[in-house]
Amino acid sequence: MIVVTGATGNVGRPLVQALAAAGEKVTAVSRNLPGEPLPEGVRHRKADLADPETLRPAVDGADALFLHDGGPGAYLLSPRDLVDVAKAGGVGRIVLLSSQAVATRPASESHGRTGRSFEEAVRRSGTDWTILRPTGFHSNAYGWAEGIRTRRTVAAPFGDVGLPTVDPADIAEVAAAALRSDEHAGQVYELTGPALNSPRRRAHAIGEALGEPIRFVEQTREEARAQMLAFMPEPLVETTLDILGAPHPAERRISPDVERVLGRAPRGFAEWAVRNVAAFG
C-alpha cells in the first residue's frame, strides 16, 4: 500500500490518480474530506501532519509514503516524529516533496532550515528515500484566478524575471515512479519546467488559452509583500520575493531530472494553462 499525504493538493491529487491508474493500492491522506471523488479503490483517511499521531492509522501496514513538507505551515511540523510514525507502521520507502530552495537558499529560515530538517529526517530514517526539489509550480497562477475572472487582469511583481516553473503533474509522475521502484532510492531530483517564463509571459499564456487578452499590472515588491502576508508567514514571504525578484543562477537552471526519470520533456506553462483554463474563465 502507498500512502499519499497532501492528497487533495496540486501534487497529491494527480499523484493519487497516477498510482491508482497503475493499479496500486492507495490511501489518500488530507486534513479535510476530498472536494471531489477519489479514484475507484482509493481509501481516504483524515490526518493533520501537525499531529503525527493522527497519521498512524493511515500508515499502518503501508509499504511506501509520499510525505508532503507542509508548504507554508512546514515550520509547525515535526519531521522526525512523522518519520518515526511512518516507520512504526511498516513504511520502508519515503518520497519527500521538498523544495529547490533548500539548496539555493540554505540560510533562509523558511526554505533552508525548515526544509533541511525534513530532508535530514528522511535521510536518517533507515528507509529507502527519494527527495524531490521542485522550483515554483505552474499552479501558483491559481492565485491570479479571481483577478482574471472578474477584471481580465493579473497583478504581480517582477514582471519580466523568468524562472523555470514546473507542472505539478510532472512532479506527481516523478513521485509515482519513485514510490513504485527502488531504482530511485537515495536520489535527489531537482524538478523544473522546460524553459524560463516570466509573470508577464504566464499571464499572456492564460490569455491565449482563454482567447481573450489579459492586462498585466506590475506590482512593487511592497505591494506584493502586503498581499502575500495575508496567507504566508513573513520569513516565507521575504524569501519567496527574493527568489522571484533576484533569482540565483541555480534557480534559473533548467534541470534534466524530469526527462531523466520520465523519458520525456517536462510540460511547459502554456500546456498547463490550456489544461486548467476553466479556473480562469
Protein backbone atom coordinates (compact mmCIF):
# COMPACT_ATOMS: atom_id res chain seq x y z
CA MET A 1 0.00 0.00 0.00
CA ILE A 2 1.16 3.54 -0.81
CA VAL A 3 0.12 6.43 1.43
CA VAL A 4 -0.09 9.92 -0.09
CA THR A 5 -0.15 12.90 2.28
CA GLY A 6 -1.41 16.23 0.96
CA ALA A 7 -3.66 14.14 -1.28
CA THR A 8 -6.03 16.97 -2.20
CA GLY A 9 -3.25 19.36 -3.23
CA ASN A 10 -1.76 20.32 -6.56
CA VAL A 11 0.74 17.45 -6.47
CA GLY A 12 -1.12 14.98 -4.26
CA ARG A 13 -4.26 14.85 -6.37
CA PRO A 14 -2.58 13.85 -9.67
CA LEU A 15 -0.26 11.54 -7.73
CA VAL A 16 -3.21 9.61 -6.29
CA GLN A 17 -4.70 9.39 -9.76
CA ALA A 18 -1.43 8.17 -11.31
CA LEU A 19 -0.90 5.50 -8.66
CA ALA A 20 -4.49 4.28 -8.86
CA ALA A 21 -4.28 4.11 -12.66
CA ALA A 22 -1.15 1.96 -12.29
CA GLY A 23 -3.10 -0.50 -10.16
CA GLU A 24 -1.54 0.40 -6.81
CA LYS A 25 -3.40 0.19 -3.53
CA VAL A 26 -3.56 3.80 -2.32
CA THR A 27 -4.52 5.61 0.86
CA ALA A 28 -5.14 9.33 0.33
CA VAL A 29 -4.47 11.46 3.41
CA SER A 30 -5.62 15.04 3.96
CA ARG A 31 -6.86 17.23 6.79
CA ASN A 32 -10.29 17.56 5.21
CA LEU A 33 -12.52 15.38 3.08
CA PRO A 34 -11.73 15.46 -0.66
CA GLY A 35 -13.70 18.04 -2.60
CA GLU A 36 -14.24 15.63 -5.47
CA PRO A 37 -14.49 11.84 -5.73
CA LEU A 38 -11.31 9.82 -5.40
CA PRO A 39 -10.42 7.18 -8.00
CA GLU A 40 -12.15 3.86 -7.54
CA GLY A 41 -10.49 1.72 -4.87
CA VAL A 42 -8.65 4.59 -3.16
CA ARG A 43 -9.45 4.96 0.52
CA HIS A 44 -9.31 8.27 2.38
CA ARG A 45 -8.01 8.94 5.87
CA LYS A 46 -8.11 12.27 7.68
CA ALA A 47 -4.87 13.34 9.37
CA ASP A 48 -3.16 16.56 10.35
CA LEU A 49 0.61 16.38 9.93
CA ALA A 50 0.96 18.89 12.76
CA ASP A 51 -0.17 16.00 14.98
CA PRO A 52 1.88 12.99 13.84
CA GLU A 53 -0.25 10.55 15.84
CA THR A 54 -3.20 11.24 13.52
CA LEU A 55 -1.13 9.75 10.70
CA ARG A 56 -0.64 6.42 12.48
CA PRO A 57 -3.88 4.69 11.31
CA ALA A 58 -3.18 5.68 7.70
CA VAL A 59 0.35 4.24 7.57
CA ASP A 60 -0.38 1.02 9.45
CA GLY A 61 0.68 -1.75 7.08
CA ALA A 62 1.90 0.66 4.38
CA ASP A 63 4.91 -0.04 2.17
CA ALA A 64 5.64 3.48 0.93
CA LEU A 65 4.84 7.08 1.88
CA PHE A 66 4.70 10.29 -0.09
CA LEU A 67 5.49 12.93 2.52
CA HIS A 68 4.41 16.49 1.85
CA ASP A 69 6.60 19.02 3.64
CA GLY A 70 3.63 21.06 4.83
CA GLY A 71 4.01 24.02 2.47
CA PRO A 72 3.66 27.39 4.23
CA GLY A 73 2.95 25.61 7.51
CA ALA A 74 6.08 23.43 7.40
CA TYR A 75 7.62 25.18 10.41
CA LEU A 76 4.75 23.83 12.56
CA LEU A 77 5.60 20.19 11.83
CA SER A 78 7.97 17.70 13.45
CA PRO A 79 9.58 15.76 10.59
CA ARG A 80 11.35 13.31 12.91
CA ASP A 81 8.09 12.36 14.61
CA LEU A 82 6.34 11.95 11.26
CA VAL A 83 9.11 9.66 10.04
CA ASP A 84 9.03 7.64 13.26
CA VAL A 85 5.26 7.11 12.93
CA ALA A 86 5.71 6.01 9.32
CA LYS A 87 8.45 3.52 10.20
CA ALA A 88 6.39 2.11 13.06
CA GLY A 89 3.61 1.44 10.55
CA GLY A 90 5.95 -0.58 8.36
CA VAL A 91 6.88 2.04 5.74
CA GLY A 92 10.11 1.10 4.01
CA ARG A 93 10.22 3.79 1.33
CA ILE A 94 9.67 7.54 1.67
CA VAL A 95 9.45 10.07 -1.15
CA LEU A 96 9.71 13.61 0.21
CA LEU A 97 8.32 16.68 -1.51
CA SER A 98 10.95 19.27 -0.57
CA SER A 99 12.00 22.49 -2.34
CA GLN A 100 14.78 23.66 -4.62
CA ALA A 101 15.41 26.47 -2.13
CA VAL A 102 16.76 24.02 0.44
CA ALA A 103 19.88 24.03 -1.72
CA THR A 104 19.73 27.53 -3.20
CA ARG A 105 18.69 29.45 -0.04
CA PRO A 106 20.24 27.39 2.78
CA ALA A 107 20.40 30.33 5.21
CA SER A 108 16.71 31.17 4.95
CA GLU A 109 14.55 30.18 7.90
CA SER A 110 11.52 29.23 5.85
CA HIS A 111 13.11 27.29 2.99
CA GLY A 112 16.63 26.40 4.07
CA ARG A 113 16.44 25.45 7.73
CA THR A 114 12.88 24.12 7.78
CA GLY A 115 13.25 22.22 4.53
CA ARG A 116 16.61 20.83 5.58
CA SER A 117 15.10 19.43 8.79
CA PHE A 118 12.68 17.37 6.68
CA GLU A 119 15.40 16.17 4.37
CA GLU A 120 17.68 15.19 7.25
CA ALA A 121 14.89 13.27 8.99
CA VAL A 122 14.18 11.31 5.81
CA ARG A 123 17.86 10.66 5.07
CA ARG A 124 18.38 9.32 8.60
CA SER A 125 15.18 7.27 8.63
CA GLY A 126 16.76 3.98 7.67
CA THR A 127 14.24 3.62 4.84
CA ASP A 128 14.79 3.86 1.11
CA TRP A 129 14.27 7.54 0.34
CA THR A 130 14.00 9.89 -2.59
CA ILE A 131 13.92 13.68 -2.29
CA LEU A 132 12.13 15.87 -4.82
CA ARG A 133 13.20 19.52 -5.01
CA PRO A 134 10.86 21.37 -7.36
CA THR A 135 11.05 25.02 -8.28
CA GLY A 136 7.87 27.15 -8.25
CA PHE A 137 4.72 25.47 -9.54
CA HIS A 138 2.80 26.43 -12.69
CA SER A 139 -0.28 26.18 -10.47
CA ASN A 140 0.80 29.18 -8.40
CA ALA A 141 -1.04 31.05 -11.16
CA TYR A 142 -4.29 29.97 -9.49
CA GLY A 143 -3.62 32.94 -7.23
CA TRP A 144 -4.47 35.15 -10.21
CA ALA A 145 -7.77 33.42 -10.93
CA GLU A 146 -10.14 35.93 -9.32
CA GLY A 147 -8.48 38.93 -10.98
CA ILE A 148 -8.60 37.21 -14.35
CA ARG A 149 -12.22 36.10 -14.00
CA THR A 150 -13.51 39.46 -12.79
CA ARG A 151 -11.22 42.01 -14.47
CA ARG A 152 -9.11 40.07 -17.00
CA THR A 153 -6.11 41.46 -15.10
CA VAL A 154 -3.02 39.95 -13.49
CA ALA A 155 -1.12 41.89 -10.83
CA ALA A 156 2.31 40.53 -9.92
CA PRO A 157 5.82 41.79 -9.11
CA PHE A 158 8.98 41.38 -11.20
CA GLY A 159 7.05 41.07 -14.44
CA ASP A 160 9.95 40.18 -16.70
CA VAL A 161 12.03 37.95 -14.42
CA GLY A 162 11.91 34.40 -15.78
CA LEU A 163 12.01 31.19 -13.73
CA PRO A 164 11.60 27.56 -14.88
CA THR A 165 8.34 26.81 -13.09
CA VAL A 166 7.21 23.19 -13.14
CA ASP A 167 3.90 21.40 -13.77
CA PRO A 168 2.65 19.73 -10.56
CA ALA A 169 1.51 16.81 -12.71
CA ASP A 170 5.15 16.22 -13.68
CA ILE A 171 6.16 16.27 -10.02
CA ALA A 172 3.41 13.72 -9.37
CA GLU A 173 4.62 11.42 -12.15
CA VAL A 174 8.19 11.54 -10.85
CA ALA A 175 6.91 10.83 -7.33
CA ALA A 176 4.87 7.88 -8.61
CA ALA A 177 7.94 6.42 -10.29
CA ALA A 178 9.99 6.78 -7.10
CA LEU A 179 7.25 5.29 -4.92
CA ARG A 180 6.86 2.23 -7.14
CA SER A 181 10.52 1.32 -7.75
CA ASP A 182 13.68 1.03 -5.70
CA GLU A 183 15.81 2.31 -8.59
CA HIS A 184 15.32 5.88 -7.33
CA ALA A 185 16.44 5.18 -3.77
CA GLY A 186 19.00 7.66 -2.45
CA GLN A 187 18.37 10.15 -5.28
CA VAL A 188 17.72 13.88 -5.02
CA TYR A 189 15.84 15.17 -8.07
CA GLU A 190 15.61 18.85 -8.95
CA LEU A 191 12.37 19.34 -10.87
CA THR A 192 11.88 22.28 -13.23
CA GLY A 193 9.91 23.12 -16.31
CA PRO A 194 11.42 23.18 -19.81
CA ALA A 195 12.03 26.93 -20.09
CA LEU A 196 12.22 30.23 -18.25
CA ASN A 197 8.92 32.06 -18.13
CA SER A 198 8.09 35.39 -16.51
CA PRO A 199 4.86 36.53 -14.86
CA ARG A 200 4.07 38.66 -17.91
CA ARG A 201 4.52 35.66 -20.22
CA ARG A 202 2.42 33.44 -17.97
CA ALA A 203 -0.39 35.99 -17.99
CA HIS A 204 -0.18 36.11 -21.78
CA ALA A 205 -0.34 32.29 -21.97
CA ILE A 206 -3.51 32.27 -19.88
CA GLY A 207 -4.99 34.90 -22.18
CA GLU A 208 -4.13 32.75 -25.18
CA ALA A 209 -5.84 29.76 -23.54
CA LEU A 210 -8.93 31.88 -22.84
CA GLY A 211 -8.93 33.52 -26.25
CA GLU A 212 -9.02 36.95 -24.60
CA PRO A 213 -6.28 39.47 -23.77
CA ILE A 214 -5.11 39.70 -20.16
CA ARG A 215 -3.84 43.03 -18.83
CA PHE A 216 -0.65 42.76 -16.78
CA VAL A 217 -0.07 45.20 -13.92
CA GLU A 218 3.37 45.12 -12.33
CA GLN A 219 3.28 45.40 -8.54
CA THR A 220 6.03 46.85 -6.41
CA ARG A 221 7.74 44.48 -4.00
CA GLU A 222 5.93 46.15 -1.11
CA GLU A 223 2.53 45.76 -2.78
CA ALA A 224 3.20 42.09 -3.39
CA ARG A 225 4.52 41.64 0.14
CA ALA A 226 1.38 43.09 1.70
CA GLN A 227 -0.80 40.78 -0.39
CA MET A 228 1.25 37.66 0.39
CA LEU A 229 1.34 38.31 4.14
CA ALA A 230 -2.39 37.59 4.22
CA PHE A 231 -1.72 33.87 3.72
CA MET A 232 2.01 33.25 4.25
CA PRO A 233 4.36 33.75 7.24
CA GLU A 234 6.74 36.69 6.89
CA PRO A 235 10.01 34.71 6.53
CA LEU A 236 8.48 32.70 3.70
CA VAL A 237 7.21 35.87 2.01
CA GLU A 238 10.62 37.53 2.11
CA THR A 239 12.49 34.53 0.73
CA THR A 240 9.87 33.98 -1.97
CA LEU A 241 10.14 37.61 -3.09
CA ASP A 242 13.93 37.33 -3.13
CA ILE A 243 13.68 34.30 -5.42
CA LEU A 244 11.10 35.92 -7.68
CA GLY A 245 12.96 39.21 -7.96
CA ALA A 246 16.63 38.27 -7.84
CA PRO A 247 16.99 34.55 -8.54
CA HIS A 248 20.38 32.90 -8.19
CA PRO A 249 21.80 31.28 -11.35
CA ALA A 250 20.95 27.86 -9.88
CA GLU A 251 17.30 28.94 -9.61
CA ARG A 252 17.20 29.74 -13.32
CA ARG A 253 18.84 26.49 -14.42
CA ILE A 254 16.78 24.03 -16.46
CA SER A 255 17.17 20.64 -14.79
CA PRO A 256 17.23 17.41 -16.83
CA ASP A 257 15.75 15.34 -14.00
CA VAL A 258 12.10 15.24 -15.11
CA GLU A 259 13.14 13.93 -18.51
CA ARG A 260 15.69 11.59 -16.94
CA VAL A 261 13.01 9.92 -14.81
CA LEU A 262 10.00 10.08 -17.16
CA GLY A 263 11.70 9.72 -20.53
CA ARG A 264 10.04 12.86 -21.88
CA ALA A 265 10.46 16.61 -21.60
CA PRO A 266 8.62 18.43 -18.82
CA ARG A 267 5.39 20.20 -19.71
CA GLY A 268 5.51 23.96 -20.28
CA PHE A 269 3.30 26.59 -18.70
CA ALA A 270 1.20 27.16 -21.82
CA GLU A 271 0.17 23.49 -21.82
CA TRP A 272 -0.77 23.75 -18.14
CA ALA A 273 -2.84 26.88 -18.87
CA VAL A 274 -4.83 25.13 -21.60
CA ARG A 275 -5.46 22.11 -19.37
CA ASN A 276 -6.66 24.31 -16.49
CA VAL A 277 -8.32 27.16 -18.37
CA ALA A 278 -11.68 26.57 -16.66
CA ALA A 279 -10.26 28.03 -13.46
CA PHE A 280 -9.82 31.41 -15.19
CA GLY A 281 -12.99 31.57 -17.30
